[in-house]
Amino acid sequence: MKPLRLVALDADDLAIISAHVQDGLVKVSDLEFLAKEHRFVVTMNRFAWETGKPKFRHMYQRRRSVLHFERVTHVELSGIDRTRTDDVLVLLAIRFFPLESPGGKVELVFAAGAALRLTVECVEARLADLGAAWETGNRPVHGD
């Protein structure tokens, strides 16, 4: 399967990226705000939902991926301790809350109540797989 490359320029596009990064595993040390470039970078081990159900074995895929947001002016953390760099967060969803158009807040929602909020001038995000996939026997399960 080809590496995934997606761009989001509005809330609908961002919802598509959100679906592709659901259950991504992110180390706290892999969250980086590049203030001078107005960029926020999230590197993760993405669960490849798009591969569907395996045909022969109960093996699924993860891929090393990078998600970055442009035109970021402010970052807020909730329930994330930046000093615990080896902690692993499970990314559940990305949401956009419009403020003064075209700007707003992008919220990354993690398991256990953790969240990250980016104030952005507009929606501009990119998701790219960085390399080959590897197999995992663990498929994330979500309750109702």
C-alpha atoms as a PDB file:
ATOM      1  CA  MET A   1       0.000   0.000   0.000  1.00  0.00           C
ATOM      2  CA  LYS A   2       1.302   3.458  -0.892  1.00  0.00           C
ATOM      3  CA  PRO A   3       2.213   5.885   1.889  1.00  0.00           C
ATOM      4  CA  LEU A   4      -0.675   8.132   2.862  1.00  0.00           C
ATOM      5  CA  ARG A   5      -0.411  11.853   2.101  1.00  0.00           C
ATOM      6  CA  LEU A   6      -3.326  14.141   2.999  1.00  0.00           C
ATOM      7  CA  VAL A   7      -3.854  17.898   3.181  1.00  0.00           C
ATOM      8  CA  ALA A   8      -6.573  19.686   5.158  1.00  0.00           C
ATOM      9  CA  LEU A   9      -7.651  23.220   4.290  1.00  0.00           C
ATOM     10  CA  ASP A  10     -11.030  23.254   6.032  1.00  0.00           C
ATOM     11  CA  ALA A  11     -12.970  21.511   8.799  1.00  0.00           C
ATOM     12  CA  ASP A  12     -14.269  18.784   6.452  1.00  0.00           C
ATOM     13  CA  ASP A  13     -10.734  17.936   5.312  1.00  0.00           C
ATOM     14  CA  LEU A  14      -9.597  17.899   8.935  1.00  0.00           C
ATOM     15  CA  ALA A  15     -12.330  15.355   9.767  1.00  0.00           C
ATOM     16  CA  ILE A  16     -10.855  13.024   7.130  1.00  0.00           C
ATOM     17  CA  ILE A  17      -7.383  13.358   8.636  1.00  0.00           C
ATOM     18  CA  SER A  18      -8.908  12.754  12.072  1.00  0.00           C
ATOM     19  CA  ALA A  19     -10.307   9.421  10.906  1.00  0.00           C
ATOM     20  CA  HIS A  20      -6.885   8.365   9.608  1.00  0.00           C
ATOM     21  CA  VAL A  21      -4.999   9.251  12.792  1.00  0.00           C
ATOM     22  CA  GLN A  22      -7.525   7.789  15.238  1.00  0.00           C
ATOM     23  CA  ASP A  23      -5.656   5.557  17.692  1.00  0.00           C
ATOM     24  CA  GLY A  24      -2.270   6.992  16.747  1.00  0.00           C
ATOM     25  CA  LEU A  25       0.343   6.499  19.481  1.00  0.00           C
ATOM     26  CA  VAL A  26       2.226   9.693  20.317  1.00  0.00           C
ATOM     27  CA  LYS A  27       5.098  10.105  22.758  1.00  0.00           C
ATOM     28  CA  VAL A  28       5.015  13.396  24.642  1.00  0.00           C
ATOM     29  CA  SER A  29       8.519  14.077  23.290  1.00  0.00           C
ATOM     30  CA  ASP A  30       7.052  13.883  19.745  1.00  0.00           C
ATOM     31  CA  LEU A  31       4.867  16.967  20.254  1.00  0.00           C
ATOM     32  CA  GLU A  32       6.769  20.022  19.042  1.00  0.00           C
ATOM     33  CA  PHE A  33       5.782  23.676  18.656  1.00  0.00           C
ATOM     34  CA  LEU A  34       8.072  25.544  16.271  1.00  0.00           C
ATOM     35  CA  ALA A  35       7.028  29.026  17.304  1.00  0.00           C
ATOM     36  CA  LYS A  36       9.179  30.941  14.806  1.00  0.00           C
ATOM     37  CA  GLU A  37       7.690  28.924  11.919  1.00  0.00           C
ATOM     38  CA  HIS A  38       4.155  29.012  13.408  1.00  0.00           C
ATOM     39  CA  ARG A  39       4.079  25.220  13.029  1.00  0.00           C
ATOM     40  CA  PHE A  40       3.043  22.431  15.365  1.00  0.00           C
ATOM     41  CA  VAL A  41       4.351  18.925  14.615  1.00  0.00           C
ATOM     42  CA  VAL A  42       3.006  15.606  15.889  1.00  0.00           C
ATOM     43  CA  THR A  43       4.963  12.461  15.054  1.00  0.00           C
ATOM     44  CA  MET A  44       3.122   9.215  15.696  1.00  0.00           C
ATOM     45  CA  ASN A  45       2.756   5.518  15.095  1.00  0.00           C
ATOM     46  CA  ARG A  46      -0.488   5.647  13.137  1.00  0.00           C
ATOM     47  CA  PHE A  47      -2.880   2.694  13.055  1.00  0.00           C
ATOM     48  CA  ALA A  48      -3.580   2.134   9.331  1.00  0.00           C
ATOM     49  CA  TRP A  49      -7.379   1.905   9.403  1.00  0.00           C
ATOM     50  CA  GLU A  50      -7.511   2.211   5.614  1.00  0.00           C
ATOM     51  CA  THR A  51      -5.972  -1.252   5.149  1.00  0.00           C
ATOM     52  CA  GLY A  52      -9.226  -2.846   6.346  1.00  0.00           C
ATOM     53  CA  LYS A  53      -9.590  -6.299   7.812  1.00  0.00           C
ATOM     54  CA  PRO A  54      -6.690  -8.680   7.135  1.00  0.00           C
ATOM     55  CA  LYS A  55      -7.567 -11.508   4.735  1.00  0.00           C
ATOM     56  CA  PHE A  56      -5.273 -14.274   5.990  1.00  0.00           C
ATOM     57  CA  ARG A  57      -3.958 -13.469   9.467  1.00  0.00           C
ATOM     58  CA  HIS A  58      -5.126 -11.306  12.306  1.00  0.00           C
ATOM     59  CA  MET A  59      -2.349  -8.838  11.593  1.00  0.00           C
ATOM     60  CA  TYR A  60      -2.988  -5.146  11.188  1.00  0.00           C
ATOM     61  CA  GLN A  61      -0.591  -2.332  10.303  1.00  0.00           C
ATOM     62  CA  ARG A  62       0.930   0.718  11.916  1.00  0.00           C
ATOM     63  CA  ARG A  63       2.949   3.357  10.093  1.00  0.00           C
ATOM     64  CA  ARG A  64       5.315   6.065  11.308  1.00  0.00           C
ATOM     65  CA  SER A  65       3.623   9.317  10.309  1.00  0.00           C
ATOM     66  CA  VAL A  66       3.944  13.025  10.819  1.00  0.00           C
ATOM     67  CA  LEU A  67       1.072  15.471  11.151  1.00  0.00           C
ATOM     68  CA  HIS A  68       1.782  19.154  11.108  1.00  0.00           C
ATOM     69  CA  PHE A  69      -0.318  22.265  11.434  1.00  0.00           C
ATOM     70  CA  GLU A  70       0.659  25.607   9.919  1.00  0.00           C
ATOM     71  CA  ARG A  71      -0.215  29.160  11.007  1.00  0.00           C
ATOM     72  CA  VAL A  72      -0.325  28.225  14.689  1.00  0.00           C
ATOM     73  CA  THR A  73      -0.226  31.218  17.018  1.00  0.00           C
ATOM     74  CA  HIS A  74      -0.802  29.599  20.418  1.00  0.00           C
ATOM     75  CA  VAL A  75      -0.708  26.149  22.042  1.00  0.00           C
ATOM     76  CA  GLU A  76      -2.561  24.994  25.182  1.00  0.00           C
ATOM     77  CA  LEU A  77      -2.092  21.623  26.899  1.00  0.00           C
ATOM     78  CA  SER A  78      -4.510  19.896  29.242  1.00  0.00           C
ATOM     79  CA  GLY A  79      -3.627  16.683  31.045  1.00  0.00           C
ATOM     80  CA  ILE A  80      -0.228  16.416  29.332  1.00  0.00           C
ATOM     81  CA  ASP A  81       2.944  16.691  31.418  1.00  0.00           C
ATOM     82  CA  ARG A  82       5.752  17.911  29.124  1.00  0.00           C
ATOM     83  CA  THR A  83       8.375  16.705  31.637  1.00  0.00           C
ATOM     84  CA  ARG A  84       7.201  13.075  31.197  1.00  0.00           C
ATOM     85  CA  THR A  85       8.676  12.783  27.711  1.00  0.00           C
ATOM     86  CA  ASP A  86       8.311   8.988  27.476  1.00  0.00           C
ATOM     87  CA  ASP A  87       4.582   8.970  28.244  1.00  0.00           C
ATOM     88  CA  VAL A  88       2.514   7.642  25.344  1.00  0.00           C
ATOM     89  CA  LEU A  89      -0.742   9.344  24.377  1.00  0.00           C
ATOM     90  CA  VAL A  90      -3.472   7.720  22.312  1.00  0.00           C
ATOM     91  CA  LEU A  91      -4.940  10.167  19.794  1.00  0.00           C
ATOM     92  CA  LEU A  92      -8.709   9.765  19.516  1.00  0.00           C
ATOM     93  CA  ALA A  93      -9.879  12.666  17.357  1.00  0.00           C
ATOM     94  CA  ILE A  94      -9.110  16.066  15.881  1.00  0.00           C
ATOM     95  CA  ARG A  95     -11.788  18.746  15.935  1.00  0.00           C
ATOM     96  CA  PHE A  96     -12.017  22.298  14.639  1.00  0.00           C
ATOM     97  CA  PHE A  97     -13.868  25.092  16.432  1.00  0.00           C
ATOM     98  CA  PRO A  98     -14.228  28.210  14.256  1.00  0.00           C
ATOM     99  CA  LEU A  99     -13.654  31.625  15.790  1.00  0.00           C
ATOM    100  CA  GLU A 100     -13.123  34.703  13.635  1.00  0.00           C
ATOM    101  CA  SER A 101     -13.155  33.304  10.087  1.00  0.00           C
ATOM    102  CA  PRO A 102     -11.024  31.688   8.798  1.00  0.00           C
ATOM    103  CA  GLY A 103      -9.298  31.159  12.163  1.00  0.00           C
ATOM    104  CA  GLY A 104     -10.213  29.017  15.103  1.00  0.00           C
ATOM    105  CA  LYS A 105      -9.029  26.322  17.464  1.00  0.00           C
ATOM    106  CA  VAL A 106      -7.872  22.865  16.463  1.00  0.00           C
ATOM    107  CA  GLU A 107      -8.271  20.390  19.306  1.00  0.00           C
ATOM    108  CA  LEU A 108      -6.423  17.092  19.469  1.00  0.00           C
ATOM    109  CA  VAL A 109      -8.294  14.812  21.875  1.00  0.00           C
ATOM    110  CA  PHE A 110      -6.343  12.026  23.561  1.00  0.00           C
ATOM    111  CA  ALA A 111      -7.434   9.132  25.778  1.00  0.00           C
ATOM    112  CA  ALA A 112      -7.612   9.649  29.552  1.00  0.00           C
ATOM    113  CA  GLY A 113      -8.921  13.205  29.152  1.00  0.00           C
ATOM    114  CA  ALA A 114      -5.752  14.756  27.740  1.00  0.00           C
ATOM    115  CA  ALA A 115      -6.055  17.416  25.052  1.00  0.00           C
ATOM    116  CA  LEU A 116      -4.021  19.858  23.044  1.00  0.00           C
ATOM    117  CA  ARG A 117      -5.518  23.053  21.592  1.00  0.00           C
ATOM    118  CA  LEU A 118      -3.946  25.032  18.792  1.00  0.00           C
ATOM    119  CA  THR A 119      -5.053  28.541  17.951  1.00  0.00           C
ATOM    120  CA  VAL A 120      -4.739  28.832  14.171  1.00  0.00           C
ATOM    121  CA  GLU A 121      -5.134  31.643  11.647  1.00  0.00           C
ATOM    122  CA  CYS A 122      -6.815  29.101   9.347  1.00  0.00           C
ATOM    123  CA  VAL A 123      -6.962  25.328   8.858  1.00  0.00           C
ATOM    124  CA  GLU A 124      -3.808  24.132   7.154  1.00  0.00           C
ATOM    125  CA  ALA A 125      -2.618  20.645   8.065  1.00  0.00           C
ATOM    126  CA  ARG A 126      -0.686  17.860   6.396  1.00  0.00           C
ATOM    127  CA  LEU A 127      -0.441  14.176   7.234  1.00  0.00           C
ATOM    128  CA  ALA A 128       2.297  12.044   5.661  1.00  0.00           C
ATOM    129  CA  ASP A 129       3.495   8.497   6.231  1.00  0.00           C
ATOM    130  CA  LEU A 130       7.259   8.414   6.589  1.00  0.00           C
ATOM    131  CA  GLY A 131       8.128   4.859   5.708  1.00  0.00           C
ATOM    132  CA  ALA A 132       7.092   1.259   5.438  1.00  0.00           C
ATOM    133  CA  ALA A 133       4.354  -0.252   7.561  1.00  0.00           C
ATOM    134  CA  TRP A 134       4.883  -2.911  10.205  1.00  0.00           C
ATOM    135  CA  GLU A 135       2.499  -5.558  11.415  1.00  0.00           C
ATOM    136  CA  THR A 136       0.655  -5.525  14.712  1.00  0.00           C
ATOM    137  CA  GLY A 137      -1.746  -8.075  16.082  1.00  0.00           C
ATOM    138  CA  ASN A 138      -3.464  -5.433  18.194  1.00  0.00           C
ATOM    139  CA  ARG A 139      -6.504  -3.703  16.724  1.00  0.00           C
ATOM    140  CA  PRO A 140      -7.859  -0.803  18.789  1.00  0.00           C
ATOM    141  CA  VAL A 141     -11.331  -1.439  20.180  1.00  0.00           C
ATOM    142  CA  HIS A 142     -13.813   1.302  20.990  1.00  0.00           C
ATOM    143  CA  GLY A 143     -16.815   0.998  23.281  1.00  0.00           C
ATOM    144  CA  ASP A 144     -20.227   2.308  22.305  1.00  0.00           C
END
